[in-house]
C-alpha atoms as a PDB file:
ATOM      1  CA  UNK A   1     -11.332 -17.910  -7.044  1.00  0.00           C
ATOM      2  CA  UNK A   2      -9.581 -20.434  -4.841  1.00  0.00           C
ATOM      3  CA  UNK A   3      -7.766 -19.455  -1.676  1.00  0.00           C
ATOM      4  CA  UNK A   4      -4.419 -20.197  -3.367  1.00  0.00           C
ATOM      5  CA  UNK A   5      -5.301 -17.940  -6.317  1.00  0.00           C
ATOM      6  CA  UNK A   6      -6.444 -15.202  -3.920  1.00  0.00           C
ATOM      7  CA  UNK A   7      -3.227 -15.452  -1.944  1.00  0.00           C
ATOM      8  CA  UNK A   8      -1.172 -15.342  -5.157  1.00  0.00           C
ATOM      9  CA  UNK A   9      -2.912 -12.116  -6.216  1.00  0.00           C
ATOM     10  CA  UNK A  10      -2.343 -10.609  -2.765  1.00  0.00           C
ATOM     11  CA  UNK A  11       1.343 -11.596  -2.822  1.00  0.00           C
ATOM     12  CA  UNK A  12       1.710  -9.945  -6.239  1.00  0.00           C
ATOM     13  CA  UNK A  13       0.110  -6.791  -4.860  1.00  0.00           C
ATOM     14  CA  UNK A  14       2.330  -6.835  -1.775  1.00  0.00           C
ATOM     15  CA  UNK A  15       5.356  -7.226  -4.060  1.00  0.00           C
ATOM     16  CA  UNK A  16       4.372  -4.190  -6.101  1.00  0.00           C
ATOM     17  CA  UNK A  17       3.549  -6.235  -9.204  1.00  0.00           C
ATOM     18  CA  UNK A  18      -0.144  -5.254  -9.263  1.00  0.00           C
ATOM     19  CA  UNK A  19      -1.811  -1.912  -8.720  1.00  0.00           C
ATOM     20  CA  UNK A  20      -4.522  -1.325  -6.146  1.00  0.00           C
ATOM     21  CA  UNK A  21      -7.422  -1.030  -8.580  1.00  0.00           C
ATOM     22  CA  UNK A  22      -6.397  -4.120 -10.555  1.00  0.00           C
ATOM     23  CA  UNK A  23      -5.978  -6.140  -7.357  1.00  0.00           C
ATOM     24  CA  UNK A  24      -9.447  -5.171  -6.157  1.00  0.00           C
ATOM     25  CA  UNK A  25     -10.861  -6.179  -9.556  1.00  0.00           C
ATOM     26  CA  UNK A  26      -9.062  -9.525  -9.607  1.00  0.00           C
ATOM     27  CA  UNK A  27     -10.232 -10.345  -6.088  1.00  0.00           C
ATOM     28  CA  UNK A  28     -13.793  -9.388  -6.889  1.00  0.00           C
ATOM     29  CA  UNK A  29     -13.680  -7.079  -3.884  1.00  0.00           C
ATOM     30  CA  UNK A  30     -15.987  -4.101  -3.476  1.00  0.00           C
ATOM     31  CA  UNK A  31     -13.481  -1.478  -2.444  1.00  0.00           C
ATOM     32  CA  UNK A  32     -10.180  -0.621  -0.762  1.00  0.00           C
ATOM     33  CA  UNK A  33     -11.562  -1.604   2.647  1.00  0.00           C
ATOM     34  CA  UNK A  34     -12.036  -5.168   1.380  1.00  0.00           C
ATOM     35  CA  UNK A  35      -8.434  -5.152   0.162  1.00  0.00           C
ATOM     36  CA  UNK A  36      -7.190  -4.009   3.570  1.00  0.00           C
ATOM     37  CA  UNK A  37      -9.081  -6.844   5.239  1.00  0.00           C
ATOM     38  CA  UNK A  38      -7.783  -9.406   2.731  1.00  0.00           C
ATOM     39  CA  UNK A  39      -4.191  -8.235   3.226  1.00  0.00           C
ATOM     40  CA  UNK A  40      -4.544  -8.438   7.006  1.00  0.00           C
ATOM     41  CA  UNK A  41      -6.089 -11.905   6.826  1.00  0.00           C
ATOM     42  CA  UNK A  42      -3.214 -13.058   4.596  1.00  0.00           C
ATOM     43  CA  UNK A  43      -0.650 -11.512   6.956  1.00  0.00           C
ATOM     44  CA  UNK A  44       0.886  -9.437   4.167  1.00  0.00           C
ATOM     45  CA  UNK A  45       2.330  -5.941   4.243  1.00  0.00           C
ATOM     46  CA  UNK A  46       1.196  -3.269   1.826  1.00  0.00           C
ATOM     47  CA  UNK A  47       3.599  -2.357  -0.969  1.00  0.00           C
ATOM     48  CA  UNK A  48       5.925   0.541  -0.342  1.00  0.00           C
ATOM     49  CA  UNK A  49       6.074   3.426  -2.823  1.00  0.00           C
ATOM     50  CA  UNK A  50       8.913   3.300  -5.301  1.00  0.00           C
ATOM     51  CA  UNK A  51      11.929   5.371  -4.283  1.00  0.00           C
ATOM     52  CA  UNK A  52      11.664   7.687  -7.280  1.00  0.00           C
ATOM     53  CA  UNK A  53      13.089  11.211  -7.279  1.00  0.00           C
ATOM     54  CA  UNK A  54       9.540  12.601  -7.115  1.00  0.00           C
ATOM     55  CA  UNK A  55       8.701  10.449  -4.075  1.00  0.00           C
ATOM     56  CA  UNK A  56      11.941  11.417  -2.342  1.00  0.00           C
ATOM     57  CA  UNK A  57      11.213  15.107  -3.020  1.00  0.00           C
ATOM     58  CA  UNK A  58       7.723  14.737  -1.528  1.00  0.00           C
ATOM     59  CA  UNK A  59       9.119  13.045   1.576  1.00  0.00           C
ATOM     60  CA  UNK A  60      11.742  15.779   1.994  1.00  0.00           C
ATOM     61  CA  UNK A  61       9.092  18.483   1.576  1.00  0.00           C
ATOM     62  CA  UNK A  62       6.776  16.846   4.125  1.00  0.00           C
ATOM     63  CA  UNK A  63       9.645  16.369   6.545  1.00  0.00           C
ATOM     64  CA  UNK A  64      10.635  20.038   6.262  1.00  0.00           C
ATOM     65  CA  UNK A  65       7.079  21.029   7.150  1.00  0.00           C
ATOM     66  CA  UNK A  66       6.489  18.491   9.926  1.00  0.00           C
ATOM     67  CA  UNK A  67       9.825  18.336  11.757  1.00  0.00           C
ATOM     68  CA  UNK A  68       9.710  21.910  13.149  1.00  0.00           C
ATOM     69  CA  UNK A  69       6.154  21.325  14.347  1.00  0.00           C
ATOM     70  CA  UNK A  70       7.099  18.057  16.009  1.00  0.00           C
ATOM     71  CA  UNK A  71      10.021  19.719  17.782  1.00  0.00           C
ATOM     72  CA  UNK A  72       7.648  22.385  19.133  1.00  0.00           C
ATOM     73  CA  UNK A  73       5.279  19.690  20.348  1.00  0.00           C
ATOM     74  CA  UNK A  74       2.461  20.137  17.896  1.00  0.00           C
END
């Protein structure tokens, strides 16, 4: 795989067009750690989760649990 092809795959991943497992396969990487290194070397951010109702509910639930603890200092 050429550098341009590698960067194209990483840009697709960063844009949410490819899943993690498929990206690792296409890159010929060994694992998620290799993907992290490749993303850092390419200067790309990791994709953000989709703002689905389920994701929003999980964030709200986590916030309800964590915020009181953070206000108490731990």
